Amino acid sequence: MRLGIADEGWVGFERDVALGVAASARASGWETRTVATAADEARVDVVLAIGNLGIYPDLVRRHASARRILWHMEVLSIPPVDPTAIYRLHRRVPTGRLLDGAARALPPFGRSGVFARWREEAAIERETGANLRGLQASRRAFDRIVVDSNDRAWGARAAGIDVDVLPVGYHEAYAGPLASLGDAERDIEVLLLGSLPGRYGRRQRVLPLVEAGLAERGVTVTRLTTALMGPPRRAILDRTRVVVDIHRVPGNHPMLRFILATAAGAALVAEPLRDPSPLVAGVHYLEAPTGELPTVIAELLADEPARRRLVTASQALIAGPAHMDRIQPRLTATIVDT
């Protein structure tokens, strides 16, 4: 089997997953190469595109000469059971720009809690809605679409897009070897591993609240918000005791963040997930409502045996069922059945 992995300029996690897929595929006897042009595509049997469609414009536009699979890993809009009027408005018009204009014209409104809440909702809908619309517009460029978590599958299926679920797996090629839980120095108590795009995102609002709550308990949060990859990122994670997962979009699954933290020996504490599988709360990570995160994190930091139990269980998961080598047969079946 000749596997091509689409690459028109990876911008982040796509490179991580591609490295893991390529290493696992080669171990299975596949020939792998990156695909950036039509000539590249003509040399492979199947092309795998990982992540957001926005980074593969040429692939989407050109005629296919190989089978194509999209492994979509971006959060998708899930319609609420009882949508409010403001939610319907966010779906239909560019409310973010309208709200920004209103805030400039009426500064008191721009400082109000109503503005902050509506502007955050607009930012969430802009991201999730744009991802969903892009998937709807470009799905005909692919023979098969898979997503990496059940919550993304719900969003796609609610929009009438047929998808399968294939979770991301751990591989040393991108996450590094499993760290020993010996007495190595871990001088970073809590690490935020995630981007802070724009002014009005949910993470931008929640993070200072969590930082303040932890500061009251004598705990410092270190921010890693740039696209640091490979050994430099691993060097920081090796010094970390707890990674906190504050969602840009409520309920968004943090599987790749979990893998990176676990491989380096750090424990994950997250806000509630819609569907954490294959993770189990209380076994592989701790889950707490936003307002309780400082308390849960501080208690975990004060109980090193409990922190190590979480990491030990998590490392067993990613070394076993959640290893990319164990995911590979499912990816192979997806390709063969396409």
C-alpha atoms as a PDB file:
ATOM      1  CA  MET A   1       0.000   0.000   0.000  1.00  0.00           C
ATOM      2  CA  ARG A   2       1.300   3.436  -0.960  1.00  0.00           C
ATOM      3  CA  LEU A   3       0.029   6.006   1.535  1.00  0.00           C
ATOM      4  CA  GLY A   4       0.286   9.714   0.833  1.00  0.00           C
ATOM      5  CA  ILE A   5      -0.148  12.179   3.704  1.00  0.00           C
ATOM      6  CA  ALA A   6      -1.354  15.559   2.495  1.00  0.00           C
ATOM      7  CA  ASP A   7       0.982  18.433   3.337  1.00  0.00           C
ATOM      8  CA  GLU A   8       0.438  21.934   2.020  1.00  0.00           C
ATOM      9  CA  GLY A   9       2.104  23.515   5.039  1.00  0.00           C
ATOM     10  CA  TRP A  10       1.088  22.009   8.363  1.00  0.00           C
ATOM     11  CA  VAL A  11       0.447  24.604  11.053  1.00  0.00           C
ATOM     12  CA  GLY A  12       0.321  22.602  14.274  1.00  0.00           C
ATOM     13  CA  PHE A  13      -1.056  19.306  15.492  1.00  0.00           C
ATOM     14  CA  GLU A  14      -1.408  17.985  11.928  1.00  0.00           C
ATOM     15  CA  ARG A  15       2.345  17.486  11.859  1.00  0.00           C
ATOM     16  CA  ASP A  16       2.213  15.554  15.156  1.00  0.00           C
ATOM     17  CA  VAL A  17      -0.447  13.152  13.940  1.00  0.00           C
ATOM     18  CA  ALA A  18       1.197  12.775  10.518  1.00  0.00           C
ATOM     19  CA  LEU A  19       4.477  11.736  12.127  1.00  0.00           C
ATOM     20  CA  GLY A  20       2.695   9.104  14.193  1.00  0.00           C
ATOM     21  CA  VAL A  21       0.663   7.779  11.259  1.00  0.00           C
ATOM     22  CA  ALA A  22       3.720   7.595   8.997  1.00  0.00           C
ATOM     23  CA  ALA A  23       5.832   5.767  11.583  1.00  0.00           C
ATOM     24  CA  SER A  24       3.090   3.261  12.338  1.00  0.00           C
ATOM     25  CA  ALA A  25       2.285   2.728   8.642  1.00  0.00           C
ATOM     26  CA  ARG A  26       5.933   2.069   7.768  1.00  0.00           C
ATOM     27  CA  ALA A  27       6.116  -0.465  10.591  1.00  0.00           C
ATOM     28  CA  SER A  28       3.148  -2.211   8.930  1.00  0.00           C
ATOM     29  CA  GLY A  29       5.039  -2.419   5.651  1.00  0.00           C
ATOM     30  CA  TRP A  30       3.433   0.530   3.908  1.00  0.00           C
ATOM     31  CA  GLU A  31       5.265   2.976   1.696  1.00  0.00           C
ATOM     32  CA  THR A  32       4.587   6.533   2.876  1.00  0.00           C
ATOM     33  CA  ARG A  33       5.284   9.968   1.426  1.00  0.00           C
ATOM     34  CA  THR A  34       3.926  13.490   1.713  1.00  0.00           C
ATOM     35  CA  VAL A  35       1.576  14.768  -0.982  1.00  0.00           C
ATOM     36  CA  ALA A  36       1.570  18.446  -1.928  1.00  0.00           C
ATOM     37  CA  THR A  37       0.851  18.370  -5.685  1.00  0.00           C
ATOM     38  CA  ALA A  38      -1.120  16.456  -8.305  1.00  0.00           C
ATOM     39  CA  ALA A  39       2.110  14.744  -9.363  1.00  0.00           C
ATOM     40  CA  ASP A  40       2.645  13.552  -5.774  1.00  0.00           C
ATOM     41  CA  GLU A  41      -0.921  12.250  -5.605  1.00  0.00           C
ATOM     42  CA  ALA A  42      -0.458  10.242  -8.804  1.00  0.00           C
ATOM     43  CA  ARG A  43       2.295   8.231  -7.084  1.00  0.00           C
ATOM     44  CA  VAL A  44       0.144   6.907  -4.210  1.00  0.00           C
ATOM     45  CA  ASP A  45      -2.894   4.678  -3.754  1.00  0.00           C
ATOM     46  CA  VAL A  46      -4.600   6.750  -1.075  1.00  0.00           C
ATOM     47  CA  VAL A  47      -4.210  10.266   0.322  1.00  0.00           C
ATOM     48  CA  LEU A  48      -4.855  10.980   3.998  1.00  0.00           C
ATOM     49  CA  ALA A  49      -5.560  14.608   4.919  1.00  0.00           C
ATOM     50  CA  ILE A  50      -5.326  15.349   8.651  1.00  0.00           C
ATOM     51  CA  GLY A  51      -6.992  18.243  10.453  1.00  0.00           C
ATOM     52  CA  ASN A  52      -8.770  21.276   9.054  1.00  0.00           C
ATOM     53  CA  LEU A  53      -9.727  21.539   5.393  1.00  0.00           C
ATOM     54  CA  GLY A  54      -8.532  25.136   5.326  1.00  0.00           C
ATOM     55  CA  ILE A  55      -4.894  24.028   5.133  1.00  0.00           C
ATOM     56  CA  TYR A  56      -5.461  21.878   2.028  1.00  0.00           C
ATOM     57  CA  PRO A  57      -6.894  24.284  -0.587  1.00  0.00           C
ATOM     58  CA  ASP A  58      -5.085  22.728  -3.575  1.00  0.00           C
ATOM     59  CA  LEU A  59      -6.095  19.196  -2.612  1.00  0.00           C
ATOM     60  CA  VAL A  60      -9.761  20.207  -2.330  1.00  0.00           C
ATOM     61  CA  ARG A  61      -9.751  22.040  -5.672  1.00  0.00           C
ATOM     62  CA  ARG A  62      -7.916  19.578  -7.910  1.00  0.00           C
ATOM     63  CA  HIS A  63      -9.193  16.381  -9.517  1.00  0.00           C
ATOM     64  CA  ALA A  64      -8.524  13.269  -7.457  1.00  0.00           C
ATOM     65  CA  SER A  65      -6.168  10.635  -8.859  1.00  0.00           C
ATOM     66  CA  ALA A  66      -6.116   8.474  -5.692  1.00  0.00           C
ATOM     67  CA  ARG A  67      -8.616   7.539  -3.027  1.00  0.00           C
ATOM     68  CA  ARG A  68      -8.920  10.253  -0.410  1.00  0.00           C
ATOM     69  CA  ILE A  69      -9.679  10.123   3.289  1.00  0.00           C
ATOM     70  CA  LEU A  70     -10.124  13.139   5.550  1.00  0.00           C
ATOM     71  CA  TRP A  71      -9.290  12.656   9.234  1.00  0.00           C
ATOM     72  CA  HIS A  72     -11.042  15.761  10.560  1.00  0.00           C
ATOM     73  CA  MET A  73      -9.888  16.948  13.985  1.00  0.00           C
ATOM     74  CA  GLU A  74     -11.513  20.331  14.471  1.00  0.00           C
ATOM     75  CA  VAL A  75     -14.461  21.096  16.719  1.00  0.00           C
ATOM     76  CA  LEU A  76     -17.828  21.269  14.931  1.00  0.00           C
ATOM     77  CA  SER A  77     -20.979  23.179  15.792  1.00  0.00           C
ATOM     78  CA  ILE A  78     -23.615  21.068  17.585  1.00  0.00           C
ATOM     79  CA  PRO A  79     -27.104  22.637  17.488  1.00  0.00           C
ATOM     80  CA  PRO A  80     -28.637  22.943  20.972  1.00  0.00           C
ATOM     81  CA  VAL A  81     -31.871  21.095  21.713  1.00  0.00           C
ATOM     82  CA  ASP A  82     -33.681  24.384  22.344  1.00  0.00           C
ATOM     83  CA  PRO A  83     -31.788  27.122  20.468  1.00  0.00           C
ATOM     84  CA  THR A  84     -32.223  30.666  21.741  1.00  0.00           C
ATOM     85  CA  ALA A  85     -32.917  33.672  19.554  1.00  0.00           C
ATOM     86  CA  ILE A  86     -29.358  34.958  20.005  1.00  0.00           C
ATOM     87  CA  TYR A  87     -27.966  31.540  18.983  1.00  0.00           C
ATOM     88  CA  ARG A  88     -30.046  31.646  15.790  1.00  0.00           C
ATOM     89  CA  LEU A  89     -28.729  35.137  15.165  1.00  0.00           C
ATOM     90  CA  HIS A  90     -25.111  33.977  15.606  1.00  0.00           C
ATOM     91  CA  ARG A  91     -25.749  31.267  12.996  1.00  0.00           C
ATOM     92  CA  ARG A  92     -27.138  33.683  10.395  1.00  0.00           C
ATOM     93  CA  VAL A  93     -25.230  36.961  10.591  1.00  0.00           C
ATOM     94  CA  PRO A  94     -21.666  38.090  11.500  1.00  0.00           C
ATOM     95  CA  THR A  95     -22.618  39.026  15.040  1.00  0.00           C
ATOM     96  CA  GLY A  96     -18.991  39.396  16.136  1.00  0.00           C
ATOM     97  CA  ARG A  97     -18.391  42.306  13.782  1.00  0.00           C
ATOM     98  CA  LEU A  98     -21.774  43.820  14.597  1.00  0.00           C
ATOM     99  CA  LEU A  99     -21.114  43.622  18.328  1.00  0.00           C
ATOM    100  CA  ASP A 100     -17.649  45.159  17.910  1.00  0.00           C
ATOM    101  CA  GLY A 101     -19.208  48.044  16.014  1.00  0.00           C
ATOM    102  CA  ALA A 102     -21.829  48.524  18.711  1.00  0.00           C
ATOM    103  CA  ALA A 103     -19.143  48.498  21.408  1.00  0.00           C
ATOM    104  CA  ARG A 104     -17.178  51.223  19.617  1.00  0.00           C
ATOM    105  CA  ALA A 105     -20.295  53.343  19.190  1.00  0.00           C
ATOM    106  CA  LEU A 106     -21.551  52.725  22.729  1.00  0.00           C
ATOM    107  CA  PRO A 107     -18.553  52.204  25.065  1.00  0.00           C
ATOM    108  CA  PRO A 108     -20.720  51.442  28.129  1.00  0.00           C
ATOM    109  CA  PHE A 109     -22.281  48.538  26.216  1.00  0.00           C
ATOM    110  CA  GLY A 110     -18.786  47.324  25.273  1.00  0.00           C
ATOM    111  CA  ARG A 111     -17.944  47.103  28.989  1.00  0.00           C
ATOM    112  CA  SER A 112     -21.122  45.266  29.945  1.00  0.00           C
ATOM    113  CA  GLY A 113     -21.559  41.659  30.896  1.00  0.00           C
ATOM    114  CA  VAL A 114     -24.125  41.221  28.119  1.00  0.00           C
ATOM    115  CA  PHE A 115     -21.584  42.275  25.503  1.00  0.00           C
ATOM    116  CA  ALA A 116     -18.926  39.955  26.927  1.00  0.00           C
ATOM    117  CA  ARG A 117     -21.297  36.960  26.942  1.00  0.00           C
ATOM    118  CA  TRP A 118     -22.663  37.588  23.439  1.00  0.00           C
ATOM    119  CA  ARG A 119     -19.207  38.298  22.009  1.00  0.00           C
ATOM    120  CA  GLU A 120     -17.827  35.054  23.442  1.00  0.00           C
ATOM    121  CA  GLU A 121     -20.769  33.117  22.004  1.00  0.00           C
ATOM    122  CA  ALA A 122     -20.133  34.754  18.639  1.00  0.00           C
ATOM    123  CA  ALA A 123     -16.457  33.712  18.725  1.00  0.00           C
ATOM    124  CA  ILE A 124     -17.396  30.104  19.518  1.00  0.00           C
ATOM    125  CA  GLU A 125     -20.000  29.952  16.764  1.00  0.00           C
ATOM    126  CA  ARG A 126     -17.640  31.582  14.279  1.00  0.00           C
ATOM    127  CA  GLU A 127     -15.047  28.850  14.835  1.00  0.00           C
ATOM    128  CA  THR A 128     -17.344  25.840  15.058  1.00  0.00           C
ATOM    129  CA  GLY A 129     -19.695  27.061  12.346  1.00  0.00           C
ATOM    130  CA  ALA A 130     -16.863  27.854   9.944  1.00  0.00           C
ATOM    131  CA  ASN A 131     -15.391  24.378  10.473  1.00  0.00           C
ATOM    132  CA  LEU A 132     -18.763  22.774   9.789  1.00  0.00           C
ATOM    133  CA  ARG A 133     -19.495  24.885   6.711  1.00  0.00           C
ATOM    134  CA  GLY A 134     -16.054  24.098   5.307  1.00  0.00           C
ATOM    135  CA  LEU A 135     -16.654  20.392   5.841  1.00  0.00           C
ATOM    136  CA  GLN A 136     -20.052  20.596   4.142  1.00  0.00           C
ATOM    137  CA  ALA A 137     -18.651  22.508   1.167  1.00  0.00           C
ATOM    138  CA  SER A 138     -15.640  20.264   0.588  1.00  0.00           C
ATOM    139  CA  ARG A 139     -16.805  16.785   1.557  1.00  0.00           C
ATOM    140  CA  ARG A 140     -17.196  15.747  -2.095  1.00  0.00           C
ATOM    141  CA  ALA A 141     -13.413  15.997  -2.470  1.00  0.00           C
ATOM    142  CA  PHE A 142     -13.069  12.915  -0.221  1.00  0.00           C
ATOM    143  CA  ASP A 143     -14.174   9.308  -0.492  1.00  0.00           C
ATOM    144  CA  ARG A 144     -14.411   8.898   3.287  1.00  0.00           C
ATOM    145  CA  ILE A 145     -14.474  11.211   6.295  1.00  0.00           C
ATOM    146  CA  VAL A 146     -13.483  10.181   9.814  1.00  0.00           C
ATOM    147  CA  VAL A 147     -13.368  12.346  12.936  1.00  0.00           C
ATOM    148  CA  ASP A 148     -11.315  11.826  16.067  1.00  0.00           C
ATOM    149  CA  SER A 149     -13.991  11.956  18.787  1.00  0.00           C
ATOM    150  CA  ASN A 150     -17.671  11.288  19.351  1.00  0.00           C
ATOM    151  CA  ASP A 151     -18.493  14.942  20.018  1.00  0.00           C
ATOM    152  CA  ARG A 152     -17.211  15.890  16.551  1.00  0.00           C
ATOM    153  CA  ALA A 153     -19.220  13.021  15.067  1.00  0.00           C
ATOM    154  CA  TRP A 154     -22.393  14.415  16.660  1.00  0.00           C
ATOM    155  CA  GLY A 155     -21.818  17.792  15.006  1.00  0.00           C
ATOM    156  CA  ALA A 156     -21.150  16.268  11.587  1.00  0.00           C
ATOM    157  CA  ARG A 157     -24.083  13.863  11.693  1.00  0.00           C
ATOM    158  CA  ALA A 158     -26.454  16.589  12.875  1.00  0.00           C
ATOM    159  CA  ALA A 159     -25.540  18.406   9.644  1.00  0.00           C
ATOM    160  CA  GLY A 160     -26.171  15.303   7.535  1.00  0.00           C
ATOM    161  CA  ILE A 161     -22.508  14.382   7.000  1.00  0.00           C
ATOM    162  CA  ASP A 162     -21.715  10.680   7.261  1.00  0.00           C
ATOM    163  CA  VAL A 163     -18.575  10.127   9.366  1.00  0.00           C
ATOM    164  CA  ASP A 164     -16.827   7.372  11.286  1.00  0.00           C
ATOM    165  CA  VAL A 165     -14.878   7.862  14.522  1.00  0.00           C
ATOM    166  CA  LEU A 166     -11.162   7.079  14.680  1.00  0.00           C
ATOM    167  CA  PRO A 167      -9.398   8.449  17.791  1.00  0.00           C
ATOM    168  CA  VAL A 168      -5.861   9.795  17.660  1.00  0.00           C
ATOM    169  CA  GLY A 169      -3.214   7.426  18.972  1.00  0.00           C
ATOM    170  CA  TYR A 170       0.052   7.958  20.807  1.00  0.00           C
ATOM    171  CA  HIS A 171       3.371   7.488  19.053  1.00  0.00           C
ATOM    172  CA  GLU A 172       6.876   8.249  20.231  1.00  0.00           C
ATOM    173  CA  ALA A 173       7.589   9.846  16.849  1.00  0.00           C
ATOM    174  CA  TYR A 174       5.713  12.996  17.895  1.00  0.00           C
ATOM    175  CA  ALA A 175       5.068  12.749  21.660  1.00  0.00           C
ATOM    176  CA  GLY A 176       8.425  11.320  22.720  1.00  0.00           C
ATOM    177  CA  PRO A 177       9.023   8.233  24.881  1.00  0.00           C
ATOM    178  CA  LEU A 178       6.989   7.548  27.996  1.00  0.00           C
ATOM    179  CA  ALA A 179       8.597   9.429  30.861  1.00  0.00           C
ATOM    180  CA  SER A 180       9.728   7.698  34.022  1.00  0.00           C
ATOM    181  CA  LEU A 181       7.849   8.719  37.158  1.00  0.00           C
ATOM    182  CA  GLY A 182      11.020   8.791  39.236  1.00  0.00           C
ATOM    183  CA  ASP A 183      12.244  11.744  41.219  1.00  0.00           C
ATOM    184  CA  ALA A 184      13.006  14.025  38.266  1.00  0.00           C
ATOM    185  CA  GLU A 185      12.602  17.716  39.050  1.00  0.00           C
ATOM    186  CA  ARG A 186       9.219  19.115  37.974  1.00  0.00           C
ATOM    187  CA  ASP A 187       9.363  22.804  38.703  1.00  0.00           C
ATOM    188  CA  ILE A 188       6.290  23.823  36.647  1.00  0.00           C
ATOM    189  CA  GLU A 189       3.270  23.250  38.850  1.00  0.00           C
ATOM    190  CA  VAL A 190       0.532  23.916  36.305  1.00  0.00           C
ATOM    191  CA  LEU A 191       0.836  24.393  32.538  1.00  0.00           C
ATOM    192  CA  LEU A 192      -1.737  25.738  30.107  1.00  0.00           C
ATOM    193  CA  LEU A 193      -0.982  24.109  26.750  1.00  0.00           C
ATOM    194  CA  GLY A 194      -3.133  25.861  24.158  1.00  0.00           C
ATOM    195  CA  SER A 195      -3.565  28.904  21.959  1.00  0.00           C
ATOM    196  CA  LEU A 196      -5.252  32.182  22.910  1.00  0.00           C
ATOM    197  CA  PRO A 197      -6.448  33.536  19.537  1.00  0.00           C
ATOM    198  CA  GLY A 198      -8.226  36.890  19.472  1.00  0.00           C
ATOM    199  CA  ARG A 199      -9.568  38.985  22.340  1.00  0.00           C
ATOM    200  CA  TYR A 200     -12.920  37.429  23.100  1.00  0.00           C
ATOM    201  CA  GLY A 201     -12.492  33.657  23.242  1.00  0.00           C
ATOM    202  CA  ARG A 202     -13.788  31.586  26.106  1.00  0.00           C
ATOM    203  CA  ARG A 203     -10.293  30.460  27.158  1.00  0.00           C
ATOM    204  CA  GLN A 204      -9.199  34.100  27.365  1.00  0.00           C
ATOM    205  CA  ARG A 205     -11.994  34.766  29.860  1.00  0.00           C
ATOM    206  CA  VAL A 206     -11.684  31.617  31.967  1.00  0.00           C
ATOM    207  CA  LEU A 207      -7.893  31.359  32.230  1.00  0.00           C
ATOM    208  CA  PRO A 208      -7.392  34.505  34.372  1.00  0.00           C
ATOM    209  CA  LEU A 209     -10.117  33.267  36.750  1.00  0.00           C
ATOM    210  CA  VAL A 210      -8.357  29.914  37.164  1.00  0.00           C
ATOM    211  CA  GLU A 211      -4.994  31.642  37.536  1.00  0.00           C
ATOM    212  CA  ALA A 212      -6.399  33.912  40.241  1.00  0.00           C
ATOM    213  CA  GLY A 213      -7.949  31.006  42.110  1.00  0.00           C
ATOM    214  CA  LEU A 214      -4.683  29.083  42.030  1.00  0.00           C
ATOM    215  CA  ALA A 215      -2.654  32.155  43.024  1.00  0.00           C
ATOM    216  CA  GLU A 216      -4.789  32.379  46.186  1.00  0.00           C
ATOM    217  CA  ARG A 217      -3.553  28.860  46.955  1.00  0.00           C
ATOM    218  CA  GLY A 218       0.074  29.717  46.197  1.00  0.00           C
ATOM    219  CA  VAL A 219       0.127  27.966  42.816  1.00  0.00           C
ATOM    220  CA  THR A 220       1.490  29.520  39.619  1.00  0.00           C
ATOM    221  CA  VAL A 221       0.221  28.760  36.104  1.00  0.00           C
ATOM    222  CA  THR A 222       2.730  28.769  33.240  1.00  0.00           C
ATOM    223  CA  ARG A 223       1.321  29.547  29.798  1.00  0.00           C
ATOM    224  CA  LEU A 224       2.531  27.761  26.658  1.00  0.00           C
ATOM    225  CA  THR A 225       0.407  29.425  24.003  1.00  0.00           C
ATOM    226  CA  THR A 226       2.755  29.376  21.004  1.00  0.00           C
ATOM    227  CA  ALA A 227       3.035  26.571  18.451  1.00  0.00           C
ATOM    228  CA  LEU A 228       6.067  25.012  20.098  1.00  0.00           C
ATOM    229  CA  MET A 229       6.672  21.545  18.692  1.00  0.00           C
ATOM    230  CA  GLY A 230       8.911  18.513  19.130  1.00  0.00           C
ATOM    231  CA  PRO A 231      11.759  18.422  21.684  1.00  0.00           C
ATOM    232  CA  PRO A 232      11.333  22.061  22.887  1.00  0.00           C
ATOM    233  CA  ARG A 233       7.690  21.373  23.791  1.00  0.00           C
ATOM    234  CA  ARG A 234       8.597  18.052  25.382  1.00  0.00           C
ATOM    235  CA  ALA A 235      11.312  19.739  27.469  1.00  0.00           C
ATOM    236  CA  ILE A 236       8.669  21.981  29.042  1.00  0.00           C
ATOM    237  CA  LEU A 237       6.222  19.122  29.597  1.00  0.00           C
ATOM    238  CA  ASP A 238       8.970  17.078  31.272  1.00  0.00           C
ATOM    239  CA  ARG A 239       9.125  19.790  33.941  1.00  0.00           C
ATOM    240  CA  THR A 240       5.336  19.901  34.434  1.00  0.00           C
ATOM    241  CA  ARG A 241       3.223  18.267  37.132  1.00  0.00           C
ATOM    242  CA  VAL A 242      -0.288  19.190  35.913  1.00  0.00           C
ATOM    243  CA  VAL A 243      -1.613  20.324  32.525  1.00  0.00           C
ATOM    244  CA  VAL A 244      -4.906  22.201  32.778  1.00  0.00           C
ATOM    245  CA  ASP A 245      -7.354  21.892  29.882  1.00  0.00           C
ATOM    246  CA  ILE A 246      -9.484  25.030  29.553  1.00  0.00           C
ATOM    247  CA  HIS A 247     -11.785  24.688  26.587  1.00  0.00           C
ATOM    248  CA  ARG A 248     -12.038  27.168  23.737  1.00  0.00           C
ATOM    249  CA  VAL A 249     -15.350  25.448  23.001  1.00  0.00           C
ATOM    250  CA  PRO A 250     -17.197  23.797  25.923  1.00  0.00           C
ATOM    251  CA  GLY A 251     -16.893  20.014  25.942  1.00  0.00           C
ATOM    252  CA  ASN A 252     -14.203  19.839  23.262  1.00  0.00           C
ATOM    253  CA  HIS A 253     -12.200  16.597  23.521  1.00  0.00           C
ATOM    254  CA  PRO A 254      -8.497  17.112  24.412  1.00  0.00           C
ATOM    255  CA  MET A 255      -7.098  13.733  23.255  1.00  0.00           C
ATOM    256  CA  LEU A 256      -3.908  15.067  21.678  1.00  0.00           C
ATOM    257  CA  ARG A 257      -3.229  17.324  24.684  1.00  0.00           C
ATOM    258  CA  PHE A 258      -3.814  14.326  26.946  1.00  0.00           C
ATOM    259  CA  ILE A 259      -1.314  12.229  24.951  1.00  0.00           C
ATOM    260  CA  LEU A 260       1.378  14.902  25.025  1.00  0.00           C
ATOM    261  CA  ALA A 261       0.953  15.457  28.767  1.00  0.00           C
ATOM    262  CA  THR A 262       0.778  11.759  29.620  1.00  0.00           C
ATOM    263  CA  ALA A 263       3.840  10.801  27.582  1.00  0.00           C
ATOM    264  CA  ALA A 264       5.860  13.404  29.501  1.00  0.00           C
ATOM    265  CA  GLY A 265       4.557  12.273  32.918  1.00  0.00           C
ATOM    266  CA  ALA A 266       2.169  15.175  33.585  1.00  0.00           C
ATOM    267  CA  ALA A 267      -1.407  14.689  34.816  1.00  0.00           C
ATOM    268  CA  LEU A 268      -4.363  16.308  33.032  1.00  0.00           C
ATOM    269  CA  VAL A 269      -7.139  18.223  34.773  1.00  0.00           C
ATOM    270  CA  ALA A 270      -9.952  19.237  32.436  1.00  0.00           C
ATOM    271  CA  GLU A 271     -13.299  20.940  32.318  1.00  0.00           C
ATOM    272  CA  PRO A 272     -16.233  18.554  31.740  1.00  0.00           C
ATOM    273  CA  LEU A 273     -16.232  16.698  28.419  1.00  0.00           C
ATOM    274  CA  ARG A 274     -19.317  15.746  26.412  1.00  0.00           C
ATOM    275  CA  ASP A 275     -17.925  12.266  25.812  1.00  0.00           C
ATOM    276  CA  PRO A 276     -14.442  11.550  27.190  1.00  0.00           C
ATOM    277  CA  SER A 277     -14.003   8.082  25.632  1.00  0.00           C
ATOM    278  CA  PRO A 278     -11.539   6.420  25.450  1.00  0.00           C
ATOM    279  CA  LEU A 279     -10.627   8.351  28.623  1.00  0.00           C
ATOM    280  CA  VAL A 280     -12.302   7.720  31.970  1.00  0.00           C
ATOM    281  CA  ALA A 281     -12.650  10.629  34.374  1.00  0.00           C
ATOM    282  CA  GLY A 282     -11.034   9.889  37.727  1.00  0.00           C
ATOM    283  CA  VAL A 283      -8.864   7.177  36.176  1.00  0.00           C
ATOM    284  CA  HIS A 284      -6.967   8.856  33.334  1.00  0.00           C
ATOM    285  CA  TYR A 285      -7.628  12.505  34.174  1.00  0.00           C
ATOM    286  CA  LEU A 286      -9.549  14.629  36.666  1.00  0.00           C
ATOM    287  CA  GLU A 287     -12.634  16.527  35.581  1.00  0.00           C
ATOM    288  CA  ALA A 288     -14.130  19.531  37.354  1.00  0.00           C
ATOM    289  CA  PRO A 289     -16.532  22.393  36.623  1.00  0.00           C
ATOM    290  CA  THR A 290     -14.732  25.606  35.749  1.00  0.00           C
ATOM    291  CA  GLY A 291     -15.175  27.223  39.148  1.00  0.00           C
ATOM    292  CA  GLU A 292     -13.786  24.159  40.927  1.00  0.00           C
ATOM    293  CA  LEU A 293     -10.637  23.766  38.824  1.00  0.00           C
ATOM    294  CA  PRO A 294      -8.363  25.683  41.252  1.00  0.00           C
ATOM    295  CA  THR A 295      -9.452  23.532  44.193  1.00  0.00           C
ATOM    296  CA  VAL A 296      -9.122  20.225  42.309  1.00  0.00           C
ATOM    297  CA  ILE A 297      -5.712  21.171  40.887  1.00  0.00           C
ATOM    298  CA  ALA A 298      -4.364  22.349  44.248  1.00  0.00           C
ATOM    299  CA  GLU A 299      -5.533  19.146  45.943  1.00  0.00           C
ATOM    300  CA  LEU A 300      -3.863  17.025  43.258  1.00  0.00           C
ATOM    301  CA  LEU A 301      -0.602  18.940  43.588  1.00  0.00           C
ATOM    302  CA  ALA A 302      -0.697  18.247  47.319  1.00  0.00           C
ATOM    303  CA  ASP A 303      -1.157  14.496  46.722  1.00  0.00           C
ATOM    304  CA  GLU A 304       1.777  13.261  44.625  1.00  0.00           C
ATOM    305  CA  PRO A 305       0.808   9.567  44.916  1.00  0.00           C
ATOM    306  CA  ALA A 306      -2.633  10.385  43.452  1.00  0.00           C
ATOM    307  CA  ARG A 307      -1.031  12.387  40.640  1.00  0.00           C
ATOM    308  CA  ARG A 308       1.266   9.466  39.824  1.00  0.00           C
ATOM    309  CA  ARG A 309      -1.648   7.016  39.833  1.00  0.00           C
ATOM    310  CA  LEU A 310      -3.374   9.123  37.175  1.00  0.00           C
ATOM    311  CA  VAL A 311      -0.243   9.270  35.042  1.00  0.00           C
ATOM    312  CA  THR A 312       0.457   5.545  35.449  1.00  0.00           C
ATOM    313  CA  ALA A 313      -3.065   4.624  34.301  1.00  0.00           C
ATOM    314  CA  SER A 314      -2.845   7.111  31.458  1.00  0.00           C
ATOM    315  CA  GLN A 315       0.499   5.796  30.258  1.00  0.00           C
ATOM    316  CA  ALA A 316      -0.904   2.264  30.291  1.00  0.00           C
ATOM    317  CA  LEU A 317      -3.750   3.481  28.070  1.00  0.00           C
ATOM    318  CA  ILE A 318      -1.582   5.183  25.466  1.00  0.00           C
ATOM    319  CA  ALA A 319       0.978   2.366  25.478  1.00  0.00           C
ATOM    320  CA  GLY A 320      -1.841  -0.121  24.876  1.00  0.00           C
ATOM    321  CA  PRO A 321      -5.277   0.446  23.326  1.00  0.00           C
ATOM    322  CA  ALA A 322      -4.622   4.114  22.478  1.00  0.00           C
ATOM    323  CA  HIS A 323      -1.240   3.539  20.795  1.00  0.00           C
ATOM    324  CA  MET A 324      -1.104   4.469  17.113  1.00  0.00           C
ATOM    325  CA  ASP A 325       0.014   0.926  16.285  1.00  0.00           C
ATOM    326  CA  ARG A 326      -3.306  -0.293  17.729  1.00  0.00           C
ATOM    327  CA  ILE A 327      -5.225   2.397  15.812  1.00  0.00           C
ATOM    328  CA  GLN A 328      -3.453   1.481  12.563  1.00  0.00           C
ATOM    329  CA  PRO A 329      -5.551  -1.632  11.784  1.00  0.00           C
ATOM    330  CA  ARG A 330      -8.700   0.478  12.016  1.00  0.00           C
ATOM    331  CA  LEU A 331      -7.161   3.062   9.702  1.00  0.00           C
ATOM    332  CA  THR A 332      -6.196   0.252   7.331  1.00  0.00           C
ATOM    333  CA  ALA A 333      -9.769  -1.079   7.369  1.00  0.00           C
ATOM    334  CA  THR A 334     -11.067   2.409   6.641  1.00  0.00           C
ATOM    335  CA  ILE A 335      -8.751   2.677   3.632  1.00  0.00           C
ATOM    336  CA  VAL A 336      -9.514  -0.803   2.308  1.00  0.00           C
ATOM    337  CA  ASP A 337     -13.265  -0.272   2.634  1.00  0.00           C
ATOM    338  CA  THR A 338     -13.148   3.114   0.902  1.00  0.00           C
END
